[in-house]
Amino acid sequence: MNPDHNFYVAHCVDEPILSTEISKIFNTCNDSKNLIIGIYLIEDDKFLYCNRIFKKVIGYDSHHLVNNGWQFWFSLIVPNEVADIRNKIFNFFTAPLVKDIITLHYHINTEKGEEIYIKHEILIYKLKQEMFAINYFFDISEKEEIERCVKSNGGHRGGIFFKKQLTCISSREEEVLKLIADGFSSKQIAEKLFISNHTAISHRKHLIQKFRVKNTAQLIKKASKILEL
């Protein structure tokens, strides 16, 4: 680690990626006061950088993420959620050109053993022929606690009322919808749900009709306002 910096950068990265542009990105990320940011090199399958807020929020030094990558991060996720999150992230990176952003919500354990609720956004970028992903980790534990309090006192989100209007959507169609939102093709959906490709395509068409939209992009946009995708 460079003693003049307050962030951690991998030493084993090829020189071309350590360009002026990347350094500027590091400096901007390091100005963050509460947002954890990690930059991941997709083709090299390793984290290049993590800002100083990592230790403040998680408790561990950021070099754990840079040196040990996803294996370390997955070790922090609570046991009953880790398999699902690992699969979603793996599937996202296996087809980066299909979808360039994904948002996840899950719980992790800090170094002190405290459980916090994380909103995790991954965005894929290309700079000088290098494909990389910026990971944004938000601690939204307070938001979760507030929503839990509201619900325990009888509160309901507006989406519940919208969802009642969509009772014509079957549980299978909702499964298909969530896979569509995760960027899977009809063929991939068919394989995952053990249905025919024709059936998967039919589900997609029916969903587009039921949500009264023109295409898949509009379907995801509208459905995300009503259902938790």
C-alpha atoms as a PDB file:
ATOM      1  CA  MET A   1       0.000   0.000   0.000  1.00  0.00           C
ATOM      2  CA  ASN A   2       1.259   3.453  -0.796  1.00  0.00           C
ATOM      3  CA  PRO A   3       1.607   5.312   2.538  1.00  0.00           C
ATOM      4  CA  ASP A   4       0.421   8.496   0.847  1.00  0.00           C
ATOM      5  CA  HIS A   5      -2.924   6.901   0.055  1.00  0.00           C
ATOM      6  CA  ASN A   6      -5.787   5.837   2.273  1.00  0.00           C
ATOM      7  CA  PHE A   7      -7.002   3.105  -0.040  1.00  0.00           C
ATOM      8  CA  TYR A   8      -5.686  -0.294  -1.019  1.00  0.00           C
ATOM      9  CA  VAL A   9      -4.626  -1.163  -4.580  1.00  0.00           C
ATOM     10  CA  ALA A  10      -3.428  -4.563  -5.754  1.00  0.00           C
ATOM     11  CA  HIS A  11       0.312  -4.647  -6.544  1.00  0.00           C
ATOM     12  CA  CYS A  12       0.036  -7.496  -9.027  1.00  0.00           C
ATOM     13  CA  VAL A  13      -1.951  -5.586 -11.638  1.00  0.00           C
ATOM     14  CA  ASP A  14      -0.479  -4.980 -15.099  1.00  0.00           C
ATOM     15  CA  GLU A  15       0.870  -1.468 -15.596  1.00  0.00           C
ATOM     16  CA  PRO A  16      -1.539  -0.363 -18.393  1.00  0.00           C
ATOM     17  CA  ILE A  17      -4.563  -0.375 -16.115  1.00  0.00           C
ATOM     18  CA  LEU A  18      -2.767   1.932 -13.648  1.00  0.00           C
ATOM     19  CA  SER A  19      -3.388   4.878 -15.930  1.00  0.00           C
ATOM     20  CA  THR A  20      -4.133   8.502 -15.140  1.00  0.00           C
ATOM     21  CA  GLU A  21      -7.841   7.857 -15.666  1.00  0.00           C
ATOM     22  CA  ILE A  22      -7.928   4.984 -13.179  1.00  0.00           C
ATOM     23  CA  SER A  23      -5.955   6.994 -10.608  1.00  0.00           C
ATOM     24  CA  LYS A  24      -8.525   9.772 -10.864  1.00  0.00           C
ATOM     25  CA  ILE A  25     -11.287   7.249 -10.259  1.00  0.00           C
ATOM     26  CA  PHE A  26      -9.443   5.967  -7.167  1.00  0.00           C
ATOM     27  CA  ASN A  27      -9.108   9.489  -5.776  1.00  0.00           C
ATOM     28  CA  THR A  28     -12.776  10.251  -6.354  1.00  0.00           C
ATOM     29  CA  CYS A  29     -13.871   6.996  -4.724  1.00  0.00           C
ATOM     30  CA  ASN A  30     -11.635   7.626  -1.770  1.00  0.00           C
ATOM     31  CA  ASP A  31     -13.455  10.881  -1.018  1.00  0.00           C
ATOM     32  CA  SER A  32     -16.540   8.854  -0.078  1.00  0.00           C
ATOM     33  CA  LYS A  33     -17.465   9.238   3.585  1.00  0.00           C
ATOM     34  CA  ASN A  34     -19.824   6.252   3.997  1.00  0.00           C
ATOM     35  CA  LEU A  35     -19.976   4.320   0.720  1.00  0.00           C
ATOM     36  CA  ILE A  36     -17.793   1.226   0.295  1.00  0.00           C
ATOM     37  CA  ILE A  37     -16.411   1.007  -3.242  1.00  0.00           C
ATOM     38  CA  GLY A  38     -14.508  -1.895  -4.758  1.00  0.00           C
ATOM     39  CA  ILE A  39     -13.194  -2.071  -8.326  1.00  0.00           C
ATOM     40  CA  TYR A  40     -13.089  -5.574  -9.792  1.00  0.00           C
ATOM     41  CA  LEU A  41     -11.231  -6.614 -12.961  1.00  0.00           C
ATOM     42  CA  ILE A  42     -13.568  -9.021 -14.715  1.00  0.00           C
ATOM     43  CA  GLU A  43     -11.171 -10.844 -17.036  1.00  0.00           C
ATOM     44  CA  ASP A  44      -8.487 -11.155 -14.357  1.00  0.00           C
ATOM     45  CA  ASP A  45     -11.044 -12.206 -11.727  1.00  0.00           C
ATOM     46  CA  LYS A  46      -9.570 -10.034  -8.979  1.00  0.00           C
ATOM     47  CA  PHE A  47     -10.250  -6.831  -7.108  1.00  0.00           C
ATOM     48  CA  LEU A  48      -7.959  -3.990  -8.054  1.00  0.00           C
ATOM     49  CA  TYR A  49      -9.014  -1.491  -5.421  1.00  0.00           C
ATOM     50  CA  CYS A  50     -11.097  -0.925  -2.298  1.00  0.00           C
ATOM     51  CA  ASN A  51     -11.546   2.397  -0.507  1.00  0.00           C
ATOM     52  CA  ARG A  52     -10.821   3.161   3.146  1.00  0.00           C
ATOM     53  CA  ILE A  53     -14.481   3.105   4.258  1.00  0.00           C
ATOM     54  CA  PHE A  54     -14.369  -0.691   4.063  1.00  0.00           C
ATOM     55  CA  LYS A  55     -12.625  -0.928   7.438  1.00  0.00           C
ATOM     56  CA  LYS A  56     -14.899   1.680   9.014  1.00  0.00           C
ATOM     57  CA  VAL A  57     -18.076  -0.219   8.098  1.00  0.00           C
ATOM     58  CA  ILE A  58     -16.954  -3.865   7.954  1.00  0.00           C
ATOM     59  CA  GLY A  59     -14.105  -3.821  10.469  1.00  0.00           C
ATOM     60  CA  TYR A  60     -11.627  -5.760   8.320  1.00  0.00           C
ATOM     61  CA  ASP A  61      -8.787  -4.078   6.415  1.00  0.00           C
ATOM     62  CA  SER A  62      -9.625  -3.536   2.752  1.00  0.00           C
ATOM     63  CA  HIS A  63      -6.623  -5.630   1.648  1.00  0.00           C
ATOM     64  CA  HIS A  64      -8.653  -8.737   2.603  1.00  0.00           C
ATOM     65  CA  LEU A  65     -11.028  -8.003  -0.271  1.00  0.00           C
ATOM     66  CA  VAL A  66      -8.281  -7.017  -2.715  1.00  0.00           C
ATOM     67  CA  ASN A  67      -6.075 -10.024  -1.921  1.00  0.00           C
ATOM     68  CA  ASN A  68      -8.762 -12.689  -1.491  1.00  0.00           C
ATOM     69  CA  GLY A  69     -11.529 -11.370  -3.760  1.00  0.00           C
ATOM     70  CA  TRP A  70     -15.037 -12.766  -3.829  1.00  0.00           C
ATOM     71  CA  GLN A  71     -14.082 -15.723  -1.655  1.00  0.00           C
ATOM     72  CA  PHE A  72     -13.510 -13.350   1.256  1.00  0.00           C
ATOM     73  CA  TRP A  73     -16.649 -11.308   0.576  1.00  0.00           C
ATOM     74  CA  PHE A  74     -18.857 -14.399   0.355  1.00  0.00           C
ATOM     75  CA  SER A  75     -17.468 -15.549   3.704  1.00  0.00           C
ATOM     76  CA  LEU A  76     -19.085 -12.466   5.281  1.00  0.00           C
ATOM     77  CA  ILE A  77     -22.582 -13.141   3.938  1.00  0.00           C
ATOM     78  CA  VAL A  78     -24.947 -14.880   6.360  1.00  0.00           C
ATOM     79  CA  PRO A  79     -25.136 -18.644   5.636  1.00  0.00           C
ATOM     80  CA  ASN A  80     -28.758 -18.818   4.492  1.00  0.00           C
ATOM     81  CA  GLU A  81     -28.215 -16.106   1.850  1.00  0.00           C
ATOM     82  CA  VAL A  82     -24.725 -16.779   0.521  1.00  0.00           C
ATOM     83  CA  ALA A  83     -25.573 -19.461  -2.067  1.00  0.00           C
ATOM     84  CA  ASP A  84     -28.226 -17.329  -3.756  1.00  0.00           C
ATOM     85  CA  ILE A  85     -26.033 -14.211  -3.841  1.00  0.00           C
ATOM     86  CA  ARG A  86     -23.001 -16.152  -5.093  1.00  0.00           C
ATOM     87  CA  ASN A  87     -25.049 -17.596  -7.958  1.00  0.00           C
ATOM     88  CA  LYS A  88     -26.507 -14.227  -8.939  1.00  0.00           C
ATOM     89  CA  ILE A  89     -23.086 -12.581  -9.040  1.00  0.00           C
ATOM     90  CA  PHE A  90     -21.558 -15.486 -10.946  1.00  0.00           C
ATOM     91  CA  ASN A  91     -24.378 -15.470 -13.514  1.00  0.00           C
ATOM     92  CA  PHE A  92     -24.068 -11.710 -13.889  1.00  0.00           C
ATOM     93  CA  PHE A  93     -20.375 -11.844 -14.755  1.00  0.00           C
ATOM     94  CA  THR A  94     -20.702 -14.789 -17.125  1.00  0.00           C
ATOM     95  CA  ALA A  95     -22.731 -12.624 -19.509  1.00  0.00           C
ATOM     96  CA  PRO A  96     -21.573  -9.026 -18.877  1.00  0.00           C
ATOM     97  CA  LEU A  97     -22.702  -7.755 -22.280  1.00  0.00           C
ATOM     98  CA  VAL A  98     -26.295  -8.855 -21.709  1.00  0.00           C
ATOM     99  CA  LYS A  99     -26.752  -6.728 -18.618  1.00  0.00           C
ATOM    100  CA  ASP A 100     -24.379  -4.093 -17.249  1.00  0.00           C
ATOM    101  CA  ILE A 101     -25.936  -3.490 -13.833  1.00  0.00           C
ATOM    102  CA  ILE A 102     -27.325  -5.590 -11.011  1.00  0.00           C
ATOM    103  CA  THR A 103     -28.667  -4.657  -7.564  1.00  0.00           C
ATOM    104  CA  LEU A 104     -28.655  -7.102  -4.654  1.00  0.00           C
ATOM    105  CA  HIS A 105     -29.837  -6.954  -1.041  1.00  0.00           C
ATOM    106  CA  TYR A 106     -28.490  -9.254   1.668  1.00  0.00           C
ATOM    107  CA  HIS A 107     -27.010  -9.452   5.164  1.00  0.00           C
ATOM    108  CA  ILE A 108     -23.349  -9.753   6.160  1.00  0.00           C
ATOM    109  CA  ASN A 109     -21.471 -10.152   9.430  1.00  0.00           C
ATOM    110  CA  THR A 110     -18.856  -7.562  10.374  1.00  0.00           C
ATOM    111  CA  GLU A 111     -15.569  -8.334  12.116  1.00  0.00           C
ATOM    112  CA  LYS A 112     -17.296  -7.620  15.449  1.00  0.00           C
ATOM    113  CA  GLY A 113     -19.995 -10.173  14.649  1.00  0.00           C
ATOM    114  CA  GLU A 114     -22.676  -7.547  14.043  1.00  0.00           C
ATOM    115  CA  GLU A 115     -25.156  -8.253  11.258  1.00  0.00           C
ATOM    116  CA  ILE A 116     -25.779  -5.428   8.797  1.00  0.00           C
ATOM    117  CA  TYR A 117     -28.052  -5.160   5.779  1.00  0.00           C
ATOM    118  CA  ILE A 118     -26.290  -4.387   2.501  1.00  0.00           C
ATOM    119  CA  LYS A 119     -27.507  -2.947  -0.775  1.00  0.00           C
ATOM    120  CA  HIS A 120     -24.960  -4.011  -3.386  1.00  0.00           C
ATOM    121  CA  GLU A 121     -24.861  -2.447  -6.849  1.00  0.00           C
ATOM    122  CA  ILE A 122     -22.493  -3.717  -9.552  1.00  0.00           C
ATOM    123  CA  LEU A 123     -21.952  -1.674 -12.722  1.00  0.00           C
ATOM    124  CA  ILE A 124     -19.777  -2.828 -15.622  1.00  0.00           C
ATOM    125  CA  TYR A 125     -17.543  -0.372 -17.489  1.00  0.00           C
ATOM    126  CA  LYS A 126     -14.903  -0.507 -20.199  1.00  0.00           C
ATOM    127  CA  LEU A 127     -11.825   1.726 -20.168  1.00  0.00           C
ATOM    128  CA  LYS A 128      -8.883   1.325 -22.558  1.00  0.00           C
ATOM    129  CA  GLN A 129      -9.917  -2.224 -23.491  1.00  0.00           C
ATOM    130  CA  GLU A 130     -10.166  -3.232 -19.832  1.00  0.00           C
ATOM    131  CA  MET A 131     -13.522  -4.522 -18.561  1.00  0.00           C
ATOM    132  CA  PHE A 132     -14.055  -3.705 -14.923  1.00  0.00           C
ATOM    133  CA  ALA A 133     -16.925  -3.535 -12.459  1.00  0.00           C
ATOM    134  CA  ILE A 134     -17.478  -0.908  -9.808  1.00  0.00           C
ATOM    135  CA  ASN A 135     -19.075  -2.390  -6.707  1.00  0.00           C
ATOM    136  CA  TYR A 136     -21.049  -0.059  -4.466  1.00  0.00           C
ATOM    137  CA  PHE A 137     -21.858  -1.407  -1.000  1.00  0.00           C
ATOM    138  CA  PHE A 138     -24.419   0.587   0.995  1.00  0.00           C
ATOM    139  CA  ASP A 139     -25.134  -0.102   4.669  1.00  0.00           C
ATOM    140  CA  ILE A 140     -28.924   0.206   4.785  1.00  0.00           C
ATOM    141  CA  SER A 141     -29.463  -1.431   8.169  1.00  0.00           C
ATOM    142  CA  GLU A 142     -31.285   1.630   9.480  1.00  0.00           C
ATOM    143  CA  LYS A 143     -33.656   1.541   6.508  1.00  0.00           C
ATOM    144  CA  GLU A 144     -34.394  -2.118   7.179  1.00  0.00           C
ATOM    145  CA  GLU A 145     -35.100  -1.405  10.852  1.00  0.00           C
ATOM    146  CA  ILE A 146     -37.465   1.463  10.006  1.00  0.00           C
ATOM    147  CA  GLU A 147     -39.360  -0.657   7.475  1.00  0.00           C
ATOM    148  CA  ARG A 148     -39.579  -3.524   9.962  1.00  0.00           C
ATOM    149  CA  CYS A 149     -41.046  -1.130  12.532  1.00  0.00           C
ATOM    150  CA  VAL A 150     -43.589   0.230  10.033  1.00  0.00           C
ATOM    151  CA  LYS A 151     -44.703  -3.267   8.984  1.00  0.00           C
ATOM    152  CA  SER A 152     -44.933  -4.537  12.577  1.00  0.00           C
ATOM    153  CA  ASN A 153     -47.339  -1.686  13.263  1.00  0.00           C
ATOM    154  CA  GLY A 154     -49.599  -2.528  10.343  1.00  0.00           C
ATOM    155  CA  GLY A 155     -48.029  -0.404   7.606  1.00  0.00           C
ATOM    156  CA  HIS A 156     -48.120  -1.502   3.963  1.00  0.00           C
ATOM    157  CA  ARG A 157     -46.237  -0.322   0.912  1.00  0.00           C
ATOM    158  CA  GLY A 158     -48.210   0.878  -2.096  1.00  0.00           C
ATOM    159  CA  GLY A 159     -46.771  -1.964  -4.135  1.00  0.00           C
ATOM    160  CA  ILE A 160     -48.942  -4.409  -2.198  1.00  0.00           C
ATOM    161  CA  PHE A 161     -52.048  -2.755  -3.573  1.00  0.00           C
ATOM    162  CA  PHE A 162     -50.634  -2.785  -7.096  1.00  0.00           C
ATOM    163  CA  LYS A 163     -49.760  -6.436  -6.692  1.00  0.00           C
ATOM    164  CA  LYS A 164     -53.361  -7.234  -5.820  1.00  0.00           C
ATOM    165  CA  GLN A 165     -54.270  -5.869  -9.225  1.00  0.00           C
ATOM    166  CA  LEU A 166     -51.896  -8.403 -10.761  1.00  0.00           C
ATOM    167  CA  THR A 167     -53.367 -11.537  -9.220  1.00  0.00           C
ATOM    168  CA  CYS A 168     -53.658 -12.918 -12.739  1.00  0.00           C
ATOM    169  CA  ILE A 169     -49.868 -13.458 -12.681  1.00  0.00           C
ATOM    170  CA  SER A 170     -49.072 -17.008 -11.666  1.00  0.00           C
ATOM    171  CA  SER A 171     -46.226 -18.026  -9.380  1.00  0.00           C
ATOM    172  CA  ARG A 172     -44.464 -19.539 -12.407  1.00  0.00           C
ATOM    173  CA  GLU A 173     -44.766 -16.259 -14.321  1.00  0.00           C
ATOM    174  CA  GLU A 174     -43.319 -14.419 -11.345  1.00  0.00           C
ATOM    175  CA  GLU A 175     -40.357 -16.829 -11.368  1.00  0.00           C
ATOM    176  CA  VAL A 176     -39.856 -16.131 -15.063  1.00  0.00           C
ATOM    177  CA  LEU A 177     -40.147 -12.392 -14.479  1.00  0.00           C
ATOM    178  CA  LYS A 178     -37.400 -12.418 -11.856  1.00  0.00           C
ATOM    179  CA  LEU A 179     -35.107 -14.385 -14.152  1.00  0.00           C
ATOM    180  CA  ILE A 180     -35.815 -11.937 -16.982  1.00  0.00           C
ATOM    181  CA  ALA A 181     -34.864  -9.092 -14.629  1.00  0.00           C
ATOM    182  CA  ASP A 182     -31.593 -10.926 -13.875  1.00  0.00           C
ATOM    183  CA  GLY A 183     -30.772 -10.868 -17.585  1.00  0.00           C
ATOM    184  CA  PHE A 184     -31.458 -14.476 -18.554  1.00  0.00           C
ATOM    185  CA  SER A 185     -32.584 -15.329 -22.076  1.00  0.00           C
ATOM    186  CA  SER A 186     -35.696 -17.417 -22.752  1.00  0.00           C
ATOM    187  CA  LYS A 187     -33.475 -20.433 -23.475  1.00  0.00           C
ATOM    188  CA  GLN A 188     -31.598 -20.014 -20.180  1.00  0.00           C
ATOM    189  CA  ILE A 189     -34.880 -19.589 -18.298  1.00  0.00           C
ATOM    190  CA  ALA A 190     -36.193 -22.775 -19.868  1.00  0.00           C
ATOM    191  CA  GLU A 191     -33.124 -24.687 -18.707  1.00  0.00           C
ATOM    192  CA  LYS A 192     -33.304 -23.292 -15.174  1.00  0.00           C
ATOM    193  CA  LEU A 193     -37.001 -23.999 -14.723  1.00  0.00           C
ATOM    194  CA  PHE A 194     -36.981 -27.292 -16.646  1.00  0.00           C
ATOM    195  CA  ILE A 195     -39.558 -26.094 -19.147  1.00  0.00           C
ATOM    196  CA  SER A 196     -39.499 -25.930 -22.932  1.00  0.00           C
ATOM    197  CA  ASN A 197     -38.084 -22.935 -24.748  1.00  0.00           C
ATOM    198  CA  HIS A 198     -41.510 -22.391 -26.318  1.00  0.00           C
ATOM    199  CA  THR A 199     -43.117 -22.217 -22.862  1.00  0.00           C
ATOM    200  CA  ALA A 200     -40.498 -19.730 -21.636  1.00  0.00           C
ATOM    201  CA  ILE A 201     -41.121 -17.517 -24.666  1.00  0.00           C
ATOM    202  CA  SER A 202     -44.879 -17.744 -24.089  1.00  0.00           C
ATOM    203  CA  HIS A 203     -44.467 -16.674 -20.445  1.00  0.00           C
ATOM    204  CA  ARG A 204     -42.419 -13.665 -21.565  1.00  0.00           C
ATOM    205  CA  LYS A 205     -45.077 -12.664 -24.123  1.00  0.00           C
ATOM    206  CA  HIS A 206     -47.895 -13.061 -21.603  1.00  0.00           C
ATOM    207  CA  LEU A 207     -46.045 -10.945 -19.043  1.00  0.00           C
ATOM    208  CA  ILE A 208     -45.512  -8.181 -21.593  1.00  0.00           C
ATOM    209  CA  GLN A 209     -49.241  -8.279 -22.356  1.00  0.00           C
ATOM    210  CA  LYS A 210     -50.319  -8.325 -18.709  1.00  0.00           C
ATOM    211  CA  PHE A 211     -48.099  -5.403 -17.775  1.00  0.00           C
ATOM    212  CA  ARG A 212     -49.307  -3.568 -20.881  1.00  0.00           C
ATOM    213  CA  VAL A 213     -45.813  -2.754 -22.150  1.00  0.00           C
ATOM    214  CA  LYS A 214     -44.144  -3.098 -25.550  1.00  0.00           C
ATOM    215  CA  ASN A 215     -40.898  -4.920 -24.814  1.00  0.00           C
ATOM    216  CA  THR A 216     -38.755  -6.652 -22.192  1.00  0.00           C
ATOM    217  CA  ALA A 217     -36.972  -3.461 -21.107  1.00  0.00           C
ATOM    218  CA  GLN A 218     -40.292  -1.755 -20.349  1.00  0.00           C
ATOM    219  CA  LEU A 219     -41.500  -4.921 -18.613  1.00  0.00           C
ATOM    220  CA  ILE A 220     -38.570  -4.914 -16.182  1.00  0.00           C
ATOM    221  CA  LYS A 221     -38.902  -1.179 -15.544  1.00  0.00           C
ATOM    222  CA  LYS A 222     -42.603  -1.350 -14.767  1.00  0.00           C
ATOM    223  CA  ALA A 223     -42.489  -4.613 -12.840  1.00  0.00           C
ATOM    224  CA  SER A 224     -39.634  -3.371 -10.621  1.00  0.00           C
ATOM    225  CA  LYS A 225     -41.977  -0.658  -9.315  1.00  0.00           C
ATOM    226  CA  ILE A 226     -44.505  -3.252  -8.240  1.00  0.00           C
ATOM    227  CA  LEU A 227     -42.566  -6.423  -7.434  1.00  0.00           C
ATOM    228  CA  GLU A 228     -39.232  -6.916  -5.684  1.00  0.00           C
ATOM    229  CA  LEU A 229     -37.080  -8.183  -8.534  1.00  0.00           C
END
